[in-house]
C-alpha atoms as a PDB file:
ATOM      1  CA  MET A   1     -42.610 -37.434  38.073  1.00  0.00           C
ATOM      2  CA  CYS A   2     -42.062 -36.204  35.219  1.00  0.00           C
ATOM      3  CA  ASN A   3     -38.869 -34.114  35.943  1.00  0.00           C
ATOM      4  CA  ILE A   4     -37.516 -37.667  37.779  1.00  0.00           C
ATOM      5  CA  ILE A   5     -38.367 -39.607  34.339  1.00  0.00           C
ATOM      6  CA  TYR A   6     -36.519 -36.776  32.276  1.00  0.00           C
ATOM      7  CA  ILE A   7     -33.264 -36.725  34.500  1.00  0.00           C
ATOM      8  CA  SER A   8     -33.205 -40.017  35.036  1.00  0.00           C
ATOM      9  CA  ILE A   9     -33.105 -40.165  31.231  1.00  0.00           C
ATOM     10  CA  LEU A  10     -30.399 -37.436  30.738  1.00  0.00           C
ATOM     11  CA  GLN A  11     -28.015 -39.798  33.210  1.00  0.00           C
ATOM     12  CA  ALA A  12     -28.459 -42.811  31.467  1.00  0.00           C
ATOM     13  CA  ILE A  13     -27.741 -41.006  28.151  1.00  0.00           C
ATOM     14  CA  TYR A  14     -24.659 -39.246  29.753  1.00  0.00           C
ATOM     15  CA  LYS A  15     -23.605 -42.517  31.771  1.00  0.00           C
ATOM     16  CA  ASP A  16     -23.831 -44.531  28.467  1.00  0.00           C
ATOM     17  CA  VAL A  17     -22.846 -42.094  25.745  1.00  0.00           C
ATOM     18  CA  ASN A  18     -20.469 -44.282  23.862  1.00  0.00           C
ATOM     19  CA  SER A  19     -23.157 -46.522  23.843  1.00  0.00           C
ATOM     20  CA  LYS A  20     -24.689 -46.544  20.677  1.00  0.00           C
ATOM     21  CA  ALA A  21     -27.226 -49.081  20.760  1.00  0.00           C
ATOM     22  CA  TYR A  22     -29.152 -47.837  23.696  1.00  0.00           C
ATOM     23  CA  LEU A  23     -29.172 -44.325  22.241  1.00  0.00           C
ATOM     24  CA  LEU A  24     -30.980 -46.151  19.065  1.00  0.00           C
ATOM     25  CA  ARG A  25     -33.751 -47.861  21.431  1.00  0.00           C
ATOM     26  CA  LEU A  26     -34.137 -44.161  22.928  1.00  0.00           C
ATOM     27  CA  SER A  27     -34.724 -42.297  20.053  1.00  0.00           C
ATOM     28  CA  SER A  28     -36.957 -44.854  18.413  1.00  0.00           C
ATOM     29  CA  PHE A  29     -38.623 -45.322  21.577  1.00  0.00           C
ATOM     30  CA  LEU A  30     -38.788 -40.929  22.030  1.00  0.00           C
ATOM     31  CA  ILE A  31     -40.141 -41.532  18.205  1.00  0.00           C
ATOM     32  CA  TYR A  32     -42.968 -43.951  18.921  1.00  0.00           C
ATOM     33  CA  ILE A  33     -44.337 -41.623  22.084  1.00  0.00           C
ATOM     34  CA  TYR A  34     -44.184 -38.487  19.751  1.00  0.00           C
ATOM     35  CA  THR A  35     -46.127 -40.477  16.771  1.00  0.00           C
ATOM     36  CA  ILE A  36     -48.673 -42.276  19.141  1.00  0.00           C
ATOM     37  CA  VAL A  37     -49.014 -38.327  20.820  1.00  0.00           C
ATOM     38  CA  HIS A  38     -49.763 -37.396  17.270  1.00  0.00           C
ATOM     39  CA  LEU A  39     -51.754 -39.739  16.269  1.00  0.00           C
ATOM     40  CA  ILE A  40     -53.881 -39.042  19.292  1.00  0.00           C
ATOM     41  CA  TYR A  41     -53.811 -35.679  18.285  1.00  0.00           C
ATOM     42  CA  PHE A  42     -55.363 -35.519  15.220  1.00  0.00           C
ATOM     43  CA  PHE A  43     -57.835 -37.786  16.013  1.00  0.00           C
ATOM     44  CA  PHE A  44     -59.527 -35.964  18.400  1.00  0.00           C
ATOM     45  CA  SER A  45     -59.072 -32.847  16.575  1.00  0.00           C
ATOM     46  CA  ILE A  46     -60.325 -34.579  13.146  1.00  0.00           C
ATOM     47  CA  GLN A  47     -63.068 -36.333  15.676  1.00  0.00           C
ATOM     48  CA  PHE A  48     -64.291 -32.611  16.792  1.00  0.00           C
ATOM     49  CA  LEU A  49     -64.193 -30.957  13.418  1.00  0.00           C
ATOM     50  CA  THR A  50     -66.941 -33.576  12.041  1.00  0.00           C
ATOM     51  CA  VAL A  51     -68.758 -33.473  15.312  1.00  0.00           C
ATOM     52  CA  VAL A  52     -69.036 -29.642  14.845  1.00  0.00           C
ATOM     53  CA  LEU A  53     -69.474 -30.231  11.423  1.00  0.00           C
ATOM     54  CA  PHE A  54     -72.295 -32.409  11.200  1.00  0.00           C
ATOM     55  CA  TRP A  55     -74.183 -30.562  13.785  1.00  0.00           C
ATOM     56  CA  PHE A  56     -73.742 -27.368  11.793  1.00  0.00           C
ATOM     57  CA  MET A  57     -75.267 -28.862   8.822  1.00  0.00           C
ATOM     58  CA  ILE A  58     -78.086 -30.891  10.314  1.00  0.00           C
ATOM     59  CA  ASN A  59     -78.847 -27.418  12.147  1.00  0.00           C
ATOM     60  CA  ASN A  60     -79.002 -25.753   8.590  1.00  0.00           C
ATOM     61  CA  PHE A  61     -81.083 -28.219   7.146  1.00  0.00           C
ATOM     62  CA  LEU A  62     -83.412 -27.583   9.346  1.00  0.00           C
ATOM     63  CA  TRP A  63     -84.009 -24.624   9.521  1.00  0.00           C
ATOM     64  CA  SER A  64     -84.125 -24.216   5.447  1.00  0.00           C
ATOM     65  CA  PHE A  65     -87.147 -26.242   5.935  1.00  0.00           C
ATOM     66  CA  LYS A  66     -88.894 -24.529   8.802  1.00  0.00           C
ATOM     67  CA  ASN A  67     -88.385 -21.715   6.654  1.00  0.00           C
ATOM     68  CA  ARG A  68     -90.688 -23.010   3.521  1.00  0.00           C
ATOM     69  CA  SER A  69     -94.443 -22.513   3.473  1.00  0.00           C
ATOM     70  CA  CYS A  70     -95.156 -26.145   3.626  1.00  0.00           C
ATOM     71  CA  PHE A  71     -93.659 -26.627   7.532  1.00  0.00           C
ATOM     72  CA  THR A  72     -95.341 -23.069   8.436  1.00  0.00           C
ATOM     73  CA  GLN A  73     -98.631 -22.070   9.756  1.00  0.00           C
ATOM     74  CA  LYS A  74    -100.839 -21.489   7.058  1.00  0.00           C
ATOM     75  CA  LYS A  75    -102.757 -18.550   7.511  1.00  0.00           C
ATOM     76  CA  LYS A  76    -106.888 -17.791   6.452  1.00  0.00           C
ATOM     77  CA  VAL A  77    -107.635 -15.655   4.158  1.00  0.00           C
ATOM     78  CA  MET A  78    -110.835 -15.187   2.987  1.00  0.00           C
ATOM     79  CA  SER A  79    -111.648 -15.163  -0.862  1.00  0.00           C
ATOM     80  CA  ASP A  80    -113.829 -12.738  -2.450  1.00  0.00           C
ATOM     81  CA  SER A  81    -116.356 -14.915  -2.741  1.00  0.00           C
ATOM     82  CA  SER A  82    -117.099 -15.710   0.438  1.00  0.00           C
ATOM     83  CA  GLU A  83    -116.916 -11.625   1.750  1.00  0.00           C
ATOM     84  CA  ILE A  84    -120.465 -10.193   2.362  1.00  0.00           C
ATOM     85  CA  PHE A  85    -120.913  -6.660   0.752  1.00  0.00           C
ATOM     86  CA  CYS A  86    -123.977  -4.879   2.389  1.00  0.00           C
ATOM     87  CA  HIS A  87    -125.653  -2.519   0.232  1.00  0.00           C
ATOM     88  CA  CYS A  88    -127.109   0.105   2.188  1.00  0.00           C
END
């Protein structure tokens, strides 16, 4: 399908080479399409980068809290005063 459109555009260009207005319209249209495609690419690449960086930051933030002592399970350690000594 794209080849047919491309061939028809080429035929129109070569048929109306002397038509400067047509070439100007065609070049403006191609620049317009080029701009739209690159804006879409730019948007999705930035969106993807933002999501990945956000996930990475949240993951590291949660990991740092997980490793802190207030969030870890506390081990029960007997103190010296609660130990029972047998003097046998």
